[in-house]
């Protein structure tokens, strides 16, 4: 029964993820992707110095990163792998026209990240039941919650545009 429920939950998730809202403007998304690729070296500087380092100043996000070990692992290779995974997501989303359309590489990569976040959230919430230190939702909120994800999306989108404008001395 649990497997059936799990499969139907996965099927519902993929169906929902593959449904494109009417308000999506594919031309605008493509314009943003082309801008990102055109300014990739500068975007990388902003992503590292503003988005990534800035994320470490958000205590609730830092707590999740520390508890999951994704960016604070004792083995530098694990940290580098995680950073490369993030870079791969960005490349998958921008490398070819229409990459974010359902079924395409950018879409698949974004779905994998959503699934990863769900697994990490579940693992942290269940940690106390398996003998680890329990996650304190009253103090720290639900790990990888919608607010934290919105902040991360802004850090990896708006902050990049603002940083590019600072570096370039004008609009992108």
C-alpha atoms as a PDB file:
ATOM      1  CA  UNK A   1       0.000   0.000   0.000  1.00  0.00           C
ATOM      2  CA  UNK A   2       2.814   2.434   0.882  1.00  0.00           C
ATOM      3  CA  UNK A   3       4.476   1.772  -2.482  1.00  0.00           C
ATOM      4  CA  UNK A   4       1.206   2.481  -4.302  1.00  0.00           C
ATOM      5  CA  UNK A   5       0.727   5.708  -2.346  1.00  0.00           C
ATOM      6  CA  UNK A   6       4.331   6.666  -3.047  1.00  0.00           C
ATOM      7  CA  UNK A   7       3.967   5.967  -6.760  1.00  0.00           C
ATOM      8  CA  UNK A   8       0.751   7.942  -7.006  1.00  0.00           C
ATOM      9  CA  UNK A   9       2.353  10.824  -5.094  1.00  0.00           C
ATOM     10  CA  UNK A  10       5.294  10.774  -7.507  1.00  0.00           C
ATOM     11  CA  UNK A  11       2.941  10.647 -10.504  1.00  0.00           C
ATOM     12  CA  UNK A  12       0.908  13.562  -9.118  1.00  0.00           C
ATOM     13  CA  UNK A  13       4.105  15.528  -8.505  1.00  0.00           C
ATOM     14  CA  UNK A  14       5.359  14.987 -12.064  1.00  0.00           C
ATOM     15  CA  UNK A  15       1.955  15.835 -13.527  1.00  0.00           C
ATOM     16  CA  UNK A  16       1.823  19.042 -11.507  1.00  0.00           C
ATOM     17  CA  UNK A  17       5.421  19.946 -12.360  1.00  0.00           C
ATOM     18  CA  UNK A  18       4.673  19.393 -16.039  1.00  0.00           C
ATOM     19  CA  UNK A  19       1.651  21.674 -16.048  1.00  0.00           C
ATOM     20  CA  UNK A  20       2.647  25.114 -17.300  1.00  0.00           C
ATOM     21  CA  UNK A  21       0.613  28.016 -15.873  1.00  0.00           C
ATOM     22  CA  UNK A  22      -1.053  30.265 -18.445  1.00  0.00           C
ATOM     23  CA  UNK A  23       0.933  33.296 -17.267  1.00  0.00           C
ATOM     24  CA  UNK A  24       4.326  31.781 -18.205  1.00  0.00           C
ATOM     25  CA  UNK A  25       6.017  33.939 -20.834  1.00  0.00           C
ATOM     26  CA  UNK A  26       8.407  31.628 -22.695  1.00  0.00           C
ATOM     27  CA  UNK A  27       9.909  34.499 -24.704  1.00  0.00           C
ATOM     28  CA  UNK A  28      10.792  36.357 -21.499  1.00  0.00           C
ATOM     29  CA  UNK A  29      12.274  33.198 -19.969  1.00  0.00           C
ATOM     30  CA  UNK A  30      14.353  32.686 -23.109  1.00  0.00           C
ATOM     31  CA  UNK A  31      15.530  36.302 -23.015  1.00  0.00           C
ATOM     32  CA  UNK A  32      16.653  35.830 -19.406  1.00  0.00           C
ATOM     33  CA  UNK A  33      18.476  32.595 -20.231  1.00  0.00           C
ATOM     34  CA  UNK A  34      20.289  34.225 -23.153  1.00  0.00           C
ATOM     35  CA  UNK A  35      21.285  37.167 -20.953  1.00  0.00           C
ATOM     36  CA  UNK A  36      22.604  34.793 -18.307  1.00  0.00           C
ATOM     37  CA  UNK A  37      24.659  32.856 -20.869  1.00  0.00           C
ATOM     38  CA  UNK A  38      25.950  36.056 -22.509  1.00  0.00           C
ATOM     39  CA  UNK A  39      27.132  37.384 -19.132  1.00  0.00           C
ATOM     40  CA  UNK A  40      28.098  34.008 -17.653  1.00  0.00           C
ATOM     41  CA  UNK A  41      31.552  35.009 -16.316  1.00  0.00           C
ATOM     42  CA  UNK A  42      30.103  38.013 -14.478  1.00  0.00           C
ATOM     43  CA  UNK A  43      27.066  35.999 -13.362  1.00  0.00           C
ATOM     44  CA  UNK A  44      29.414  33.443 -11.833  1.00  0.00           C
ATOM     45  CA  UNK A  45      31.202  36.146  -9.850  1.00  0.00           C
ATOM     46  CA  UNK A  46      27.892  37.517  -8.544  1.00  0.00           C
ATOM     47  CA  UNK A  47      26.485  34.061  -7.779  1.00  0.00           C
ATOM     48  CA  UNK A  48      29.524  33.140  -5.717  1.00  0.00           C
ATOM     49  CA  UNK A  49      30.111  36.457  -3.956  1.00  0.00           C
ATOM     50  CA  UNK A  50      26.544  37.609  -3.406  1.00  0.00           C
ATOM     51  CA  UNK A  51      24.151  34.683  -3.697  1.00  0.00           C
ATOM     52  CA  UNK A  52      26.140  31.822  -2.223  1.00  0.00           C
ATOM     53  CA  UNK A  53      28.081  33.749   0.405  1.00  0.00           C
ATOM     54  CA  UNK A  54      24.968  35.806   1.167  1.00  0.00           C
ATOM     55  CA  UNK A  55      23.007  32.612   1.739  1.00  0.00           C
ATOM     56  CA  UNK A  56      25.377  31.747   4.540  1.00  0.00           C
ATOM     57  CA  UNK A  57      24.222  34.885   6.367  1.00  0.00           C
ATOM     58  CA  UNK A  58      20.636  33.571   6.617  1.00  0.00           C
ATOM     59  CA  UNK A  59      20.597  31.571   9.881  1.00  0.00           C
ATOM     60  CA  UNK A  60      17.711  29.231   9.000  1.00  0.00           C
ATOM     61  CA  UNK A  61      19.197  28.388   5.608  1.00  0.00           C
ATOM     62  CA  UNK A  62      22.638  27.922   7.149  1.00  0.00           C
ATOM     63  CA  UNK A  63      21.165  25.543   9.725  1.00  0.00           C
ATOM     64  CA  UNK A  64      19.745  23.352   6.952  1.00  0.00           C
ATOM     65  CA  UNK A  65      23.035  23.413   5.038  1.00  0.00           C
ATOM     66  CA  UNK A  66      24.942  22.477   8.181  1.00  0.00           C
ATOM     67  CA  UNK A  67      22.489  19.769   9.272  1.00  0.00           C
ATOM     68  CA  UNK A  68      22.391  18.205   5.806  1.00  0.00           C
ATOM     69  CA  UNK A  69      26.151  18.480   5.337  1.00  0.00           C
ATOM     70  CA  UNK A  70      25.715  19.642   1.749  1.00  0.00           C
ATOM     71  CA  UNK A  71      27.946  22.688   1.992  1.00  0.00           C
ATOM     72  CA  UNK A  72      29.673  22.027   5.304  1.00  0.00           C
ATOM     73  CA  UNK A  73      30.759  18.417   4.838  1.00  0.00           C
ATOM     74  CA  UNK A  74      34.082  17.445   6.330  1.00  0.00           C
ATOM     75  CA  UNK A  75      35.208  16.170   2.953  1.00  0.00           C
ATOM     76  CA  UNK A  76      35.899  19.017   0.508  1.00  0.00           C
ATOM     77  CA  UNK A  77      34.986  16.742  -2.418  1.00  0.00           C
ATOM     78  CA  UNK A  78      31.394  16.520  -1.157  1.00  0.00           C
ATOM     79  CA  UNK A  79      31.158  20.299  -0.945  1.00  0.00           C
ATOM     80  CA  UNK A  80      32.643  20.716  -4.422  1.00  0.00           C
ATOM     81  CA  UNK A  81      30.235  18.104  -5.811  1.00  0.00           C
ATOM     82  CA  UNK A  82      27.288  20.069  -4.368  1.00  0.00           C
ATOM     83  CA  UNK A  83      28.570  23.338  -5.860  1.00  0.00           C
ATOM     84  CA  UNK A  84      29.045  21.666  -9.246  1.00  0.00           C
ATOM     85  CA  UNK A  85      25.492  20.251  -9.017  1.00  0.00           C
ATOM     86  CA  UNK A  86      24.186  23.784  -8.533  1.00  0.00           C
ATOM     87  CA  UNK A  87      26.216  24.999 -11.495  1.00  0.00           C
ATOM     88  CA  UNK A  88      24.908  22.110 -13.558  1.00  0.00           C
ATOM     89  CA  UNK A  89      21.332  23.138 -12.774  1.00  0.00           C
ATOM     90  CA  UNK A  90      22.050  26.633 -14.067  1.00  0.00           C
ATOM     91  CA  UNK A  91      23.672  25.300 -17.231  1.00  0.00           C
ATOM     92  CA  UNK A  92      20.854  22.812 -17.844  1.00  0.00           C
ATOM     93  CA  UNK A  93      18.307  25.621 -17.531  1.00  0.00           C
ATOM     94  CA  UNK A  94      20.093  27.991 -19.910  1.00  0.00           C
ATOM     95  CA  UNK A  95      22.230  25.960 -22.316  1.00  0.00           C
ATOM     96  CA  UNK A  96      19.636  25.449 -25.021  1.00  0.00           C
ATOM     97  CA  UNK A  97      16.512  27.189 -26.209  1.00  0.00           C
ATOM     98  CA  UNK A  98      13.401  25.924 -24.450  1.00  0.00           C
ATOM     99  CA  UNK A  99      15.414  24.046 -21.807  1.00  0.00           C
ATOM    100  CA  UNK A 100      12.821  24.806 -19.099  1.00  0.00           C
ATOM    101  CA  UNK A 101       9.869  23.441 -21.025  1.00  0.00           C
ATOM    102  CA  UNK A 102       8.382  20.264 -19.508  1.00  0.00           C
ATOM    103  CA  UNK A 103      10.427  17.202 -20.349  1.00  0.00           C
ATOM    104  CA  UNK A 104      13.502  19.149 -21.478  1.00  0.00           C
ATOM    105  CA  UNK A 105      16.874  19.038 -19.707  1.00  0.00           C
ATOM    106  CA  UNK A 106      16.463  22.202 -17.627  1.00  0.00           C
ATOM    107  CA  UNK A 107      13.004  21.109 -16.499  1.00  0.00           C
ATOM    108  CA  UNK A 108      14.294  17.645 -15.559  1.00  0.00           C
ATOM    109  CA  UNK A 109      17.171  19.192 -13.639  1.00  0.00           C
ATOM    110  CA  UNK A 110      14.811  21.524 -11.754  1.00  0.00           C
ATOM    111  CA  UNK A 111      12.520  18.590 -10.911  1.00  0.00           C
ATOM    112  CA  UNK A 112      15.527  16.659  -9.571  1.00  0.00           C
ATOM    113  CA  UNK A 113      16.397  19.619  -7.322  1.00  0.00           C
ATOM    114  CA  UNK A 114      12.814  19.782  -6.044  1.00  0.00           C
ATOM    115  CA  UNK A 115      12.938  16.061  -5.262  1.00  0.00           C
ATOM    116  CA  UNK A 116      16.322  16.479  -3.551  1.00  0.00           C
ATOM    117  CA  UNK A 117      14.918  19.266  -1.383  1.00  0.00           C
ATOM    118  CA  UNK A 118      11.940  17.088  -0.438  1.00  0.00           C
ATOM    119  CA  UNK A 119      14.249  14.193   0.513  1.00  0.00           C
ATOM    120  CA  UNK A 120      16.471  16.463   2.623  1.00  0.00           C
ATOM    121  CA  UNK A 121      13.430  18.037   4.302  1.00  0.00           C
ATOM    122  CA  UNK A 122      12.020  14.596   5.121  1.00  0.00           C
ATOM    123  CA  UNK A 123      15.371  13.284   6.364  1.00  0.00           C
ATOM    124  CA  UNK A 124      15.845  16.278   8.675  1.00  0.00           C
ATOM    125  CA  UNK A 125      12.282  16.071  10.009  1.00  0.00           C
ATOM    126  CA  UNK A 126      12.637  12.334  10.720  1.00  0.00           C
ATOM    127  CA  UNK A 127      16.156  12.565  12.131  1.00  0.00           C
ATOM    128  CA  UNK A 128      15.029  12.504  15.770  1.00  0.00           C
ATOM    129  CA  UNK A 129      13.110   9.264  15.199  1.00  0.00           C
ATOM    130  CA  UNK A 130      16.303   7.564  13.998  1.00  0.00           C
ATOM    131  CA  UNK A 131      18.381   8.573  17.025  1.00  0.00           C
ATOM    132  CA  UNK A 132      19.831  11.832  15.683  1.00  0.00           C
ATOM    133  CA  UNK A 133      19.236  15.308  17.023  1.00  0.00           C
ATOM    134  CA  UNK A 134      15.592  16.155  16.343  1.00  0.00           C
ATOM    135  CA  UNK A 135      14.851  19.132  14.088  1.00  0.00           C
ATOM    136  CA  UNK A 136      13.140  21.856  16.124  1.00  0.00           C
ATOM    137  CA  UNK A 137      10.380  23.204  13.854  1.00  0.00           C
ATOM    138  CA  UNK A 138       9.142  25.609  16.535  1.00  0.00           C
ATOM    139  CA  UNK A 139      12.571  27.240  16.695  1.00  0.00           C
ATOM    140  CA  UNK A 140      13.917  26.744  13.176  1.00  0.00           C
ATOM    141  CA  UNK A 141      10.817  26.347  11.017  1.00  0.00           C
ATOM    142  CA  UNK A 142      10.267  23.544   8.547  1.00  0.00           C
ATOM    143  CA  UNK A 143      13.545  22.873   6.720  1.00  0.00           C
ATOM    144  CA  UNK A 144      13.634  24.065   3.109  1.00  0.00           C
ATOM    145  CA  UNK A 145      10.235  25.713   3.467  1.00  0.00           C
ATOM    146  CA  UNK A 146       8.514  27.920   0.887  1.00  0.00           C
ATOM    147  CA  UNK A 147       9.865  31.168   2.374  1.00  0.00           C
ATOM    148  CA  UNK A 148      13.440  29.877   2.342  1.00  0.00           C
ATOM    149  CA  UNK A 149      13.000  28.686  -1.233  1.00  0.00           C
ATOM    150  CA  UNK A 150      11.655  32.104  -2.265  1.00  0.00           C
ATOM    151  CA  UNK A 151      14.684  33.773  -0.676  1.00  0.00           C
ATOM    152  CA  UNK A 152      16.975  31.373  -2.538  1.00  0.00           C
ATOM    153  CA  UNK A 153      15.201  32.034  -5.842  1.00  0.00           C
ATOM    154  CA  UNK A 154      15.638  35.768  -5.310  1.00  0.00           C
ATOM    155  CA  UNK A 155      19.305  35.290  -4.409  1.00  0.00           C
ATOM    156  CA  UNK A 156      19.893  33.353  -7.624  1.00  0.00           C
ATOM    157  CA  UNK A 157      17.841  35.676  -9.853  1.00  0.00           C
ATOM    158  CA  UNK A 158      17.256  39.233  -8.629  1.00  0.00           C
ATOM    159  CA  UNK A 159      20.583  39.443  -6.782  1.00  0.00           C
ATOM    160  CA  UNK A 160      22.364  38.367  -9.956  1.00  0.00           C
ATOM    161  CA  UNK A 161      20.707  41.161 -11.940  1.00  0.00           C
ATOM    162  CA  UNK A 162      21.428  43.736  -9.221  1.00  0.00           C
ATOM    163  CA  UNK A 163      25.042  42.546  -8.973  1.00  0.00           C
ATOM    164  CA  UNK A 164      25.498  42.660 -12.747  1.00  0.00           C
ATOM    165  CA  UNK A 165      24.221  46.214 -12.818  1.00  0.00           C
ATOM    166  CA  UNK A 166      26.683  47.190 -10.087  1.00  0.00           C
ATOM    167  CA  UNK A 167      29.615  45.581 -11.903  1.00  0.00           C
ATOM    168  CA  UNK A 168      28.641  46.922 -15.321  1.00  0.00           C
ATOM    169  CA  UNK A 169      27.653  50.347 -14.036  1.00  0.00           C
ATOM    170  CA  UNK A 170      24.220  50.272 -15.644  1.00  0.00           C
ATOM    171  CA  UNK A 171      21.225  48.184 -16.687  1.00  0.00           C
ATOM    172  CA  UNK A 172      21.743  44.692 -18.080  1.00  0.00           C
END
